[in-house]
Amino acid sequence: MNNSYNTPAGSSYPAGTPEPSRPRHKRLFRWGTGITLAGFVVGGGIAWAATSGTSASASSQGAVLNSALATAASTSATVPAARVKWALGRLRRVGGVDGEVTFHGKDGYRTLAFERGTIQSVSGSDVVIKAPDGTVWAWTIVSDTVVRKSGSKTTTSALSAGELVFAGGPVANGDKDARLIVIRTPKSSSTPTPTPTSSGSDSDKTSLS
């Protein structure tokens, strides 16, 4: 005997009620899978871009440092003074106290080092510099070492203990060749003029310009 809903035998749904569409569930499943895979692809792309950006940044920094060092240390008369001044300014904008950068150039991989600090000693071809963070490096004066002070080229005899310098050059077999040494002129500290005090009426006070 059938019930009042005339439910067909073997079916759990009332007569006249359509069963849920299975293809729709399949479509939703495919959409969810596609979104998940897209997330993995995008995430992988972001990770690859971040890795590539880091590598490119290091290579770019090394190339900039190499170009600026080569220009500032150039002894060629064809390099104008303005170009040298520009290179020195670019070196001043290089952040950091000391460090080494390895990059890939035309001749393969090259490592450059730089250091800002105070000369501890000068002995023959060795210049020992101590950075503010405590790093002590020995630099070698080579045949093409260029020393500059106050924007002009000078000789290695101008190097002495206590001088504030910037040194930079290639690293070969663990030795740091001083391609360029810039003697930095310390900033003069100006002592403020004390304001005189006086007693009496306002008409007796002298205004300072």
Protein backbone atom coordinates (compact mmCIF):
# COMPACT_ATOMS: atom_id res chain seq x y z
CA MET A 1 0.00 0.00 0.00
CA ASN A 2 1.36 3.39 -0.99
CA ASN A 3 1.46 6.27 1.45
CA SER A 4 -0.25 9.61 0.97
CA TYR A 5 2.81 11.03 -0.80
CA ASN A 6 2.88 8.33 -3.44
CA THR A 7 6.59 7.76 -2.88
CA PRO A 8 7.96 5.37 -5.49
CA ALA A 9 9.51 2.19 -4.23
CA GLY A 10 13.26 2.40 -3.64
CA SER A 11 13.25 6.21 -3.46
CA SER A 12 13.62 8.34 -0.29
CA TYR A 13 12.14 11.49 -1.92
CA PRO A 14 8.42 12.27 -2.27
CA ALA A 15 6.79 11.81 -5.62
CA GLY A 16 7.24 14.78 -7.89
CA THR A 17 10.35 16.06 -6.02
CA PRO A 18 13.47 16.12 -8.24
CA GLU A 19 16.64 14.56 -6.82
CA PRO A 20 19.71 16.81 -6.30
CA SER A 21 21.72 17.35 -9.42
CA ARG A 22 24.97 15.40 -9.18
CA PRO A 23 26.69 17.25 -12.07
CA ARG A 24 26.34 20.50 -10.08
CA HIS A 25 28.27 18.97 -7.19
CA LYS A 26 30.96 17.87 -9.61
CA ARG A 27 31.21 21.38 -11.02
CA LEU A 28 31.64 22.83 -7.52
CA PHE A 29 34.33 20.27 -6.77
CA ARG A 30 36.19 21.17 -9.97
CA TRP A 31 35.95 24.88 -9.14
CA GLY A 32 37.36 24.30 -5.65
CA THR A 33 40.22 22.17 -6.99
CA GLY A 34 41.04 24.79 -9.63
CA ILE A 35 41.13 27.61 -7.09
CA THR A 36 43.43 25.56 -4.83
CA LEU A 37 45.81 24.80 -7.69
CA ALA A 38 45.78 28.45 -8.74
CA GLY A 39 46.76 29.40 -5.21
CA PHE A 40 49.74 27.06 -5.35
CA VAL A 41 50.79 28.43 -8.73
CA VAL A 42 50.48 32.05 -7.59
CA GLY A 43 52.30 31.28 -4.35
CA GLY A 44 55.11 29.60 -6.24
CA GLY A 45 55.32 32.57 -8.59
CA ILE A 46 55.57 34.98 -5.69
CA ALA A 47 58.30 32.89 -4.05
CA TRP A 48 60.22 32.71 -7.33
CA ALA A 49 59.87 36.46 -7.86
CA ALA A 50 61.11 37.17 -4.35
CA THR A 51 64.12 34.89 -4.84
CA SER A 52 64.87 36.37 -8.23
CA GLY A 53 64.50 39.89 -6.86
CA THR A 54 67.02 39.19 -4.09
CA SER A 55 69.54 37.78 -6.54
CA ALA A 56 69.05 40.64 -8.98
CA SER A 57 69.35 43.17 -6.17
CA ALA A 58 72.68 41.72 -4.99
CA SER A 59 74.00 41.60 -8.55
CA SER A 60 72.83 45.17 -9.19
CA GLN A 61 74.44 46.42 -5.97
CA GLY A 62 77.72 44.76 -6.93
CA ALA A 63 77.61 46.24 -10.42
CA VAL A 64 76.89 49.74 -9.05
CA LEU A 65 79.71 49.45 -6.53
CA ASN A 66 82.11 48.19 -9.19
CA SER A 67 81.22 50.97 -11.63
CA ALA A 68 81.50 53.70 -8.98
CA LEU A 69 84.84 52.38 -7.72
CA ALA A 70 86.25 52.11 -11.23
CA THR A 71 85.18 55.66 -12.11
CA ALA A 72 86.33 57.26 -8.85
CA ALA A 73 89.67 55.44 -9.02
CA SER A 74 90.25 56.18 -12.68
CA THR A 75 93.51 57.90 -13.56
CA SER A 76 92.56 58.42 -17.18
CA ALA A 77 92.49 62.00 -18.39
CA THR A 78 89.43 61.20 -20.50
CA VAL A 79 87.26 60.85 -17.42
CA PRO A 80 85.93 64.34 -16.57
CA ALA A 81 86.13 65.65 -13.03
CA ALA A 82 82.34 65.90 -12.89
CA ARG A 83 82.07 62.17 -13.58
CA VAL A 84 84.54 61.38 -10.79
CA LYS A 85 82.62 63.65 -8.40
CA TRP A 86 79.40 61.85 -9.35
CA ALA A 87 81.03 58.48 -8.65
CA LEU A 88 82.31 59.62 -5.26
CA GLY A 89 78.83 60.85 -4.38
CA ARG A 90 77.36 57.52 -5.38
CA LEU A 91 79.86 55.70 -3.17
CA ARG A 92 78.83 57.91 -0.25
CA ARG A 93 75.25 56.82 -0.80
CA VAL A 94 76.18 53.13 -0.61
CA GLY A 95 74.75 52.01 2.69
CA GLY A 96 76.57 49.97 5.29
CA VAL A 97 79.73 50.21 7.34
CA ASP A 98 81.60 47.28 5.83
CA GLY A 99 80.86 44.24 3.73
CA GLU A 100 81.52 42.11 0.66
CA VAL A 101 79.39 41.73 -2.46
CA THR A 102 79.77 38.97 -5.05
CA PHE A 103 78.29 39.55 -8.49
CA HIS A 104 78.56 38.12 -11.99
CA GLY A 105 80.38 40.40 -14.40
CA LYS A 106 81.78 40.07 -17.90
CA ASP A 107 84.79 38.14 -16.59
CA GLY A 108 82.78 35.82 -14.35
CA TYR A 109 82.12 36.11 -10.64
CA ARG A 110 83.83 38.92 -8.77
CA THR A 111 83.88 39.87 -5.10
CA LEU A 112 84.20 43.47 -3.95
CA ALA A 113 84.75 44.70 -0.41
CA PHE A 114 84.27 48.11 1.18
CA GLU A 115 84.84 49.56 4.62
CA ARG A 116 84.30 52.86 6.39
CA GLY A 117 86.43 53.42 9.46
CA THR A 118 89.58 54.77 11.05
CA ILE A 119 93.12 53.88 9.98
CA GLN A 120 94.84 51.97 12.78
CA SER A 121 98.24 51.66 11.17
CA VAL A 122 100.10 52.09 7.88
CA SER A 123 103.08 49.80 7.32
CA GLY A 124 104.58 49.52 3.87
CA SER A 125 101.80 48.39 1.56
CA ASP A 126 99.44 47.39 4.38
CA VAL A 127 96.73 49.69 5.72
CA VAL A 128 94.76 48.43 8.70
CA ILE A 129 91.30 49.99 9.08
CA LYS A 130 88.87 49.53 11.95
CA ALA A 131 85.15 50.07 11.33
CA PRO A 132 82.77 51.48 13.97
CA ASP A 133 81.27 48.00 14.48
CA GLY A 134 84.70 46.65 15.54
CA THR A 135 85.59 44.97 12.23
CA VAL A 136 89.31 45.21 11.50
CA TRP A 137 90.48 44.57 7.94
CA ALA A 138 93.93 44.83 6.40
CA TRP A 139 93.98 46.44 2.95
CA THR A 140 96.82 46.11 0.48
CA ILE A 141 98.09 49.13 -1.44
CA VAL A 142 98.66 48.01 -5.04
CA SER A 143 100.19 49.67 -8.06
CA ASP A 144 96.90 51.22 -9.18
CA THR A 145 95.63 52.32 -5.77
CA VAL A 146 94.12 55.80 -5.93
CA VAL A 147 93.93 58.01 -2.84
CA ARG A 148 91.62 61.02 -2.83
CA LYS A 149 91.15 63.80 -0.30
CA SER A 150 88.77 66.76 -0.48
CA GLY A 151 87.77 65.71 -4.01
CA SER A 152 91.33 65.76 -5.35
CA LYS A 153 93.80 63.00 -6.02
CA THR A 154 96.71 62.71 -3.58
CA THR A 155 99.42 60.18 -2.74
CA THR A 156 99.55 57.25 -0.34
CA SER A 157 101.80 59.35 1.91
CA ALA A 158 98.65 61.19 2.99
CA LEU A 159 97.49 58.04 4.78
CA SER A 160 98.21 58.01 8.48
CA ALA A 161 96.81 56.55 11.67
CA GLY A 162 93.69 58.28 12.91
CA GLU A 163 92.40 59.29 9.46
CA LEU A 164 88.75 58.62 8.68
CA VAL A 165 88.62 56.79 5.35
CA PHE A 166 86.49 54.85 2.91
CA ALA A 167 88.30 51.91 1.29
CA GLY A 168 87.06 49.70 -1.49
CA GLY A 169 88.39 47.20 -3.96
CA PRO A 170 88.40 43.60 -5.22
CA VAL A 171 88.99 40.55 -3.07
CA ALA A 172 91.54 38.12 -4.54
CA ASN A 173 92.57 34.95 -2.72
CA GLY A 174 91.35 36.43 0.54
CA ASP A 175 93.37 39.63 0.14
CA LYS A 176 91.60 42.97 -0.10
CA ASP A 177 93.23 45.22 -2.68
CA ALA A 178 92.61 48.87 -1.95
CA ARG A 179 91.54 50.09 -5.37
CA LEU A 180 90.30 53.36 -3.87
CA ILE A 181 90.86 55.06 -0.54
CA VAL A 182 88.99 58.28 0.18
CA ILE A 183 90.16 60.33 3.15
CA ARG A 184 87.07 61.72 4.80
CA THR A 185 87.24 65.15 6.33
CA PRO A 186 85.56 65.06 9.76
CA LYS A 187 82.70 67.45 10.22
CA SER A 188 83.70 70.40 12.36
CA SER A 189 81.57 70.73 15.44
CA SER A 190 80.47 74.31 15.88
CA THR A 191 80.24 75.50 19.47
CA PRO A 192 77.19 77.69 19.98
CA THR A 193 77.90 81.20 21.16
CA PRO A 194 76.58 81.67 24.67
CA THR A 195 73.88 84.28 25.01
CA PRO A 196 75.06 87.06 27.32
CA THR A 197 72.90 87.96 30.22
CA SER A 198 72.63 91.42 31.66
CA SER A 199 70.82 93.10 34.45
CA GLY A 200 68.92 96.31 34.25
CA SER A 201 66.09 97.60 32.13
CA ASP A 202 65.20 96.37 28.68
CA SER A 203 66.66 99.51 27.15
CA ASP A 204 70.12 98.50 28.37
CA LYS A 205 70.02 95.09 26.58
CA THR A 206 71.80 94.72 23.20
CA SER A 207 70.06 92.72 20.52
CA LEU A 208 72.25 90.04 18.82
CA SER A 209 71.95 89.45 15.09
